[in-house]
Amino acid sequence: MKKMLAILTVLVMVLAAVAAMAEENTLNFRNGVTFRMNMDQVMATETGRYEIDTEHTHGPVTFTELEYENVMVDNKPADLSYLFVGNELVAVRVKFDDGAVTFDQAKADLTALYGEAAPVDLAKLGNGIYAVDDDGRTEAKAEAIISGNLMIVIEADKDDVDVTFVDLNAAYINV
């Protein structure tokens, strides 16, 4: 009986640790949107007009893009795109309007929350690079933050700043 109680205690502790890790690696976007939601679930949480681009092919990956234009993200005007592969949310891209935020501001805000930024390591991003940029490359000024199963790419793209959140656990990364 003591042995069974000890085993149950260990099992409960392991399950609690796994649950805590899962909670820790869950990133909530606007209105509670999380990776792996399907498009209907995301559309149910978001408000406003949207467009769906179902022929959005990048490299070896076909994305369906759910885009909300002219929304407020962190109190700044932006276009917000949810990227799906096989009806599973795998990346979120925020394109801040011209001048709404600088590269350095975005980097400072995100490093305060998620850790230090470094040059983008395309090998770690795998096919996720096509969620960041449709031609599979980043601009000259791009840095990334890796936090658990999340990669955040901050990119200065001409006059605007793009921030892309990529789920590194998504199956399409290593397709």
Protein backbone atom coordinates (compact mmCIF):
# COMPACT_ATOMS: atom_id res chain seq x y z
CA MET A 1 0.00 0.00 0.00
CA LYS A 2 2.84 2.41 0.85
CA LYS A 3 4.53 1.56 -2.44
CA MET A 4 1.33 2.28 -4.39
CA LEU A 5 0.89 5.60 -2.54
CA ALA A 6 4.48 6.57 -3.36
CA ILE A 7 3.95 5.72 -7.04
CA LEU A 8 0.71 7.74 -7.14
CA THR A 9 2.44 10.70 -5.49
CA VAL A 10 5.22 10.64 -8.09
CA LEU A 11 2.67 10.32 -10.89
CA VAL A 12 0.68 13.32 -9.62
CA MET A 13 3.88 15.41 -9.39
CA VAL A 14 4.91 14.46 -12.94
CA LEU A 15 1.46 15.30 -14.33
CA ALA A 16 1.47 18.62 -12.50
CA ALA A 17 4.90 19.46 -13.94
CA VAL A 18 3.78 18.55 -17.46
CA ALA A 19 0.63 20.67 -17.09
CA ALA A 20 2.70 23.61 -15.82
CA MET A 21 5.10 23.30 -18.76
CA ALA A 22 2.23 23.14 -21.23
CA GLU A 23 0.68 26.25 -19.67
CA GLU A 24 4.03 28.03 -19.72
CA ASN A 25 4.52 27.34 -23.45
CA THR A 26 1.02 28.50 -24.43
CA LEU A 27 1.13 31.94 -25.94
CA ASN A 28 -2.13 33.88 -25.93
CA PHE A 29 -2.54 36.46 -28.67
CA ARG A 30 -5.39 38.94 -29.00
CA ASN A 31 -8.67 37.77 -27.48
CA GLY A 32 -7.18 34.48 -26.25
CA VAL A 33 -6.11 33.11 -29.65
CA THR A 34 -3.48 30.37 -29.30
CA PHE A 35 -1.44 28.22 -31.67
CA ARG A 36 -3.18 25.12 -33.05
CA MET A 37 -6.62 26.73 -33.03
CA ASN A 38 -8.53 26.23 -36.27
CA MET A 39 -9.71 29.11 -38.45
CA ASP A 40 -13.31 28.98 -37.19
CA GLN A 41 -12.10 29.26 -33.59
CA VAL A 42 -9.91 32.28 -34.42
CA MET A 43 -12.71 33.97 -36.37
CA ALA A 44 -15.05 33.45 -33.41
CA THR A 45 -12.68 35.37 -31.12
CA GLU A 46 -11.66 38.20 -33.46
CA THR A 47 -13.89 41.07 -34.51
CA GLY A 48 -13.92 43.21 -37.61
CA ARG A 49 -13.66 42.66 -41.33
CA TYR A 50 -11.27 40.04 -42.58
CA GLU A 51 -10.00 38.52 -45.79
CA ILE A 52 -9.03 34.91 -46.37
CA ASP A 53 -6.27 34.11 -48.84
CA THR A 54 -6.47 30.38 -49.49
CA GLU A 55 -3.94 30.38 -52.32
CA HIS A 56 -1.09 31.70 -50.19
CA THR A 57 1.79 29.39 -51.12
CA HIS A 58 5.28 29.97 -49.82
CA GLY A 59 8.10 27.67 -50.80
CA PRO A 60 7.15 24.08 -50.02
CA VAL A 61 4.34 25.16 -47.67
CA THR A 62 0.79 26.28 -48.47
CA PHE A 63 -0.60 28.71 -45.94
CA THR A 64 -4.14 29.94 -45.57
CA GLU A 65 -3.99 33.50 -44.35
CA LEU A 66 -6.72 35.12 -42.28
CA GLU A 67 -6.01 38.85 -42.38
CA TYR A 68 -7.49 41.67 -40.33
CA GLU A 69 -6.51 45.07 -41.68
CA ASN A 70 -6.31 48.33 -39.77
CA VAL A 71 -6.55 46.88 -36.27
CA MET A 72 -4.89 48.04 -33.07
CA VAL A 73 -2.10 45.85 -31.75
CA ASP A 74 -0.48 47.08 -28.56
CA ASN A 75 -2.31 50.38 -29.14
CA LYS A 76 -0.62 50.82 -32.53
CA PRO A 77 -2.24 50.55 -35.99
CA ALA A 78 -1.33 47.35 -37.81
CA ASP A 79 -2.41 44.57 -40.14
CA LEU A 80 -2.74 41.23 -38.37
CA SER A 81 -2.40 37.92 -40.21
CA TYR A 82 -3.10 34.49 -38.79
CA LEU A 83 -1.33 31.80 -40.84
CA PHE A 84 -2.74 28.29 -40.99
CA VAL A 85 -1.36 25.05 -42.39
CA GLY A 86 -4.02 22.36 -42.70
CA ASN A 87 -6.48 24.54 -40.71
CA GLU A 88 -4.10 24.75 -37.74
CA LEU A 89 -2.78 28.13 -36.58
CA VAL A 90 1.01 27.96 -36.88
CA ALA A 91 2.11 31.61 -37.07
CA VAL A 92 0.89 35.13 -36.41
CA ARG A 93 2.29 38.12 -38.29
CA VAL A 94 1.85 41.76 -37.26
CA LYS A 95 2.69 44.40 -39.84
CA PHE A 96 2.82 47.73 -38.08
CA ASP A 97 1.80 50.72 -40.17
CA ASP A 98 4.56 53.00 -41.41
CA GLY A 99 6.10 54.80 -38.48
CA ALA A 100 3.79 53.27 -35.84
CA VAL A 101 6.74 51.53 -34.20
CA THR A 102 10.47 51.37 -34.83
CA PHE A 103 12.58 48.24 -35.03
CA ASP A 104 14.35 49.22 -31.80
CA GLN A 105 11.04 49.83 -29.96
CA ALA A 106 9.63 46.47 -31.03
CA LYS A 107 12.86 44.72 -30.07
CA ALA A 108 12.98 46.40 -26.66
CA ASP A 109 9.34 45.57 -25.89
CA LEU A 110 9.68 41.93 -26.95
CA THR A 111 13.03 41.29 -25.26
CA ALA A 112 11.59 42.63 -22.01
CA LEU A 113 8.89 39.94 -22.25
CA TYR A 114 10.65 36.98 -23.89
CA GLY A 115 14.44 37.33 -23.59
CA GLU A 116 17.34 38.52 -25.68
CA ALA A 117 17.20 38.88 -29.44
CA ALA A 118 19.92 37.57 -31.74
CA PRO A 119 20.48 37.29 -35.49
CA VAL A 120 17.86 35.07 -37.15
CA ASP A 121 19.01 31.45 -37.38
CA LEU A 122 17.18 30.23 -40.46
CA ALA A 123 18.09 26.60 -39.70
CA LYS A 124 16.04 26.72 -36.49
CA LEU A 125 13.13 28.23 -38.36
CA GLY A 126 13.01 25.57 -41.07
CA ASN A 127 9.98 26.04 -43.32
CA GLY A 128 8.77 28.58 -40.78
CA ILE A 129 10.81 31.14 -42.71
CA TYR A 130 7.98 31.16 -45.27
CA ALA A 131 5.63 32.38 -42.54
CA VAL A 132 8.03 35.26 -41.94
CA ASP A 133 8.65 36.12 -45.60
CA ASP A 134 7.16 34.57 -48.71
CA ASP A 135 10.48 34.41 -50.53
CA GLY A 136 12.12 32.45 -47.72
CA ARG A 137 14.58 35.10 -46.59
CA THR A 138 14.62 37.96 -44.15
CA GLU A 139 15.54 41.57 -44.81
CA ALA A 140 18.93 42.98 -43.81
CA LYS A 141 17.65 44.11 -40.41
CA ALA A 142 16.09 41.10 -38.70
CA GLU A 143 16.53 39.54 -35.29
CA ALA A 144 14.83 36.70 -33.47
CA ILE A 145 13.94 35.70 -29.95
CA ILE A 146 13.52 32.05 -29.04
CA SER A 147 11.44 31.33 -25.98
CA GLY A 148 10.50 27.70 -25.45
CA ASN A 149 8.61 26.53 -28.54
CA LEU A 150 8.21 30.04 -29.87
CA MET A 151 10.35 32.05 -32.27
CA ILE A 152 9.62 35.74 -32.65
CA VAL A 153 11.15 37.38 -35.70
CA ILE A 154 11.42 41.17 -35.71
CA GLU A 155 12.09 42.54 -39.17
CA ALA A 156 12.56 46.05 -40.53
CA ASP A 157 10.94 45.98 -43.96
CA LYS A 158 11.51 49.29 -45.77
CA ASP A 159 9.41 51.81 -43.80
CA ASP A 160 7.54 49.40 -41.55
CA VAL A 161 8.24 46.80 -38.90
CA ASP A 162 6.94 43.24 -39.06
CA VAL A 163 6.82 40.91 -36.07
CA THR A 164 6.09 37.23 -36.69
CA PHE A 165 5.37 34.67 -33.99
CA VAL A 166 6.13 31.13 -35.18
CA ASP A 167 5.21 27.87 -33.42
CA LEU A 168 8.42 25.83 -33.60
CA ASN A 169 6.48 22.67 -32.71
CA ALA A 170 4.24 22.89 -35.77
CA ALA A 171 4.62 19.92 -38.08
CA TYR A 172 5.17 22.06 -41.19
CA ILE A 173 8.49 23.38 -39.84
CA ASN A 174 10.34 20.19 -40.79
CA VAL A 175 8.30 19.12 -43.82
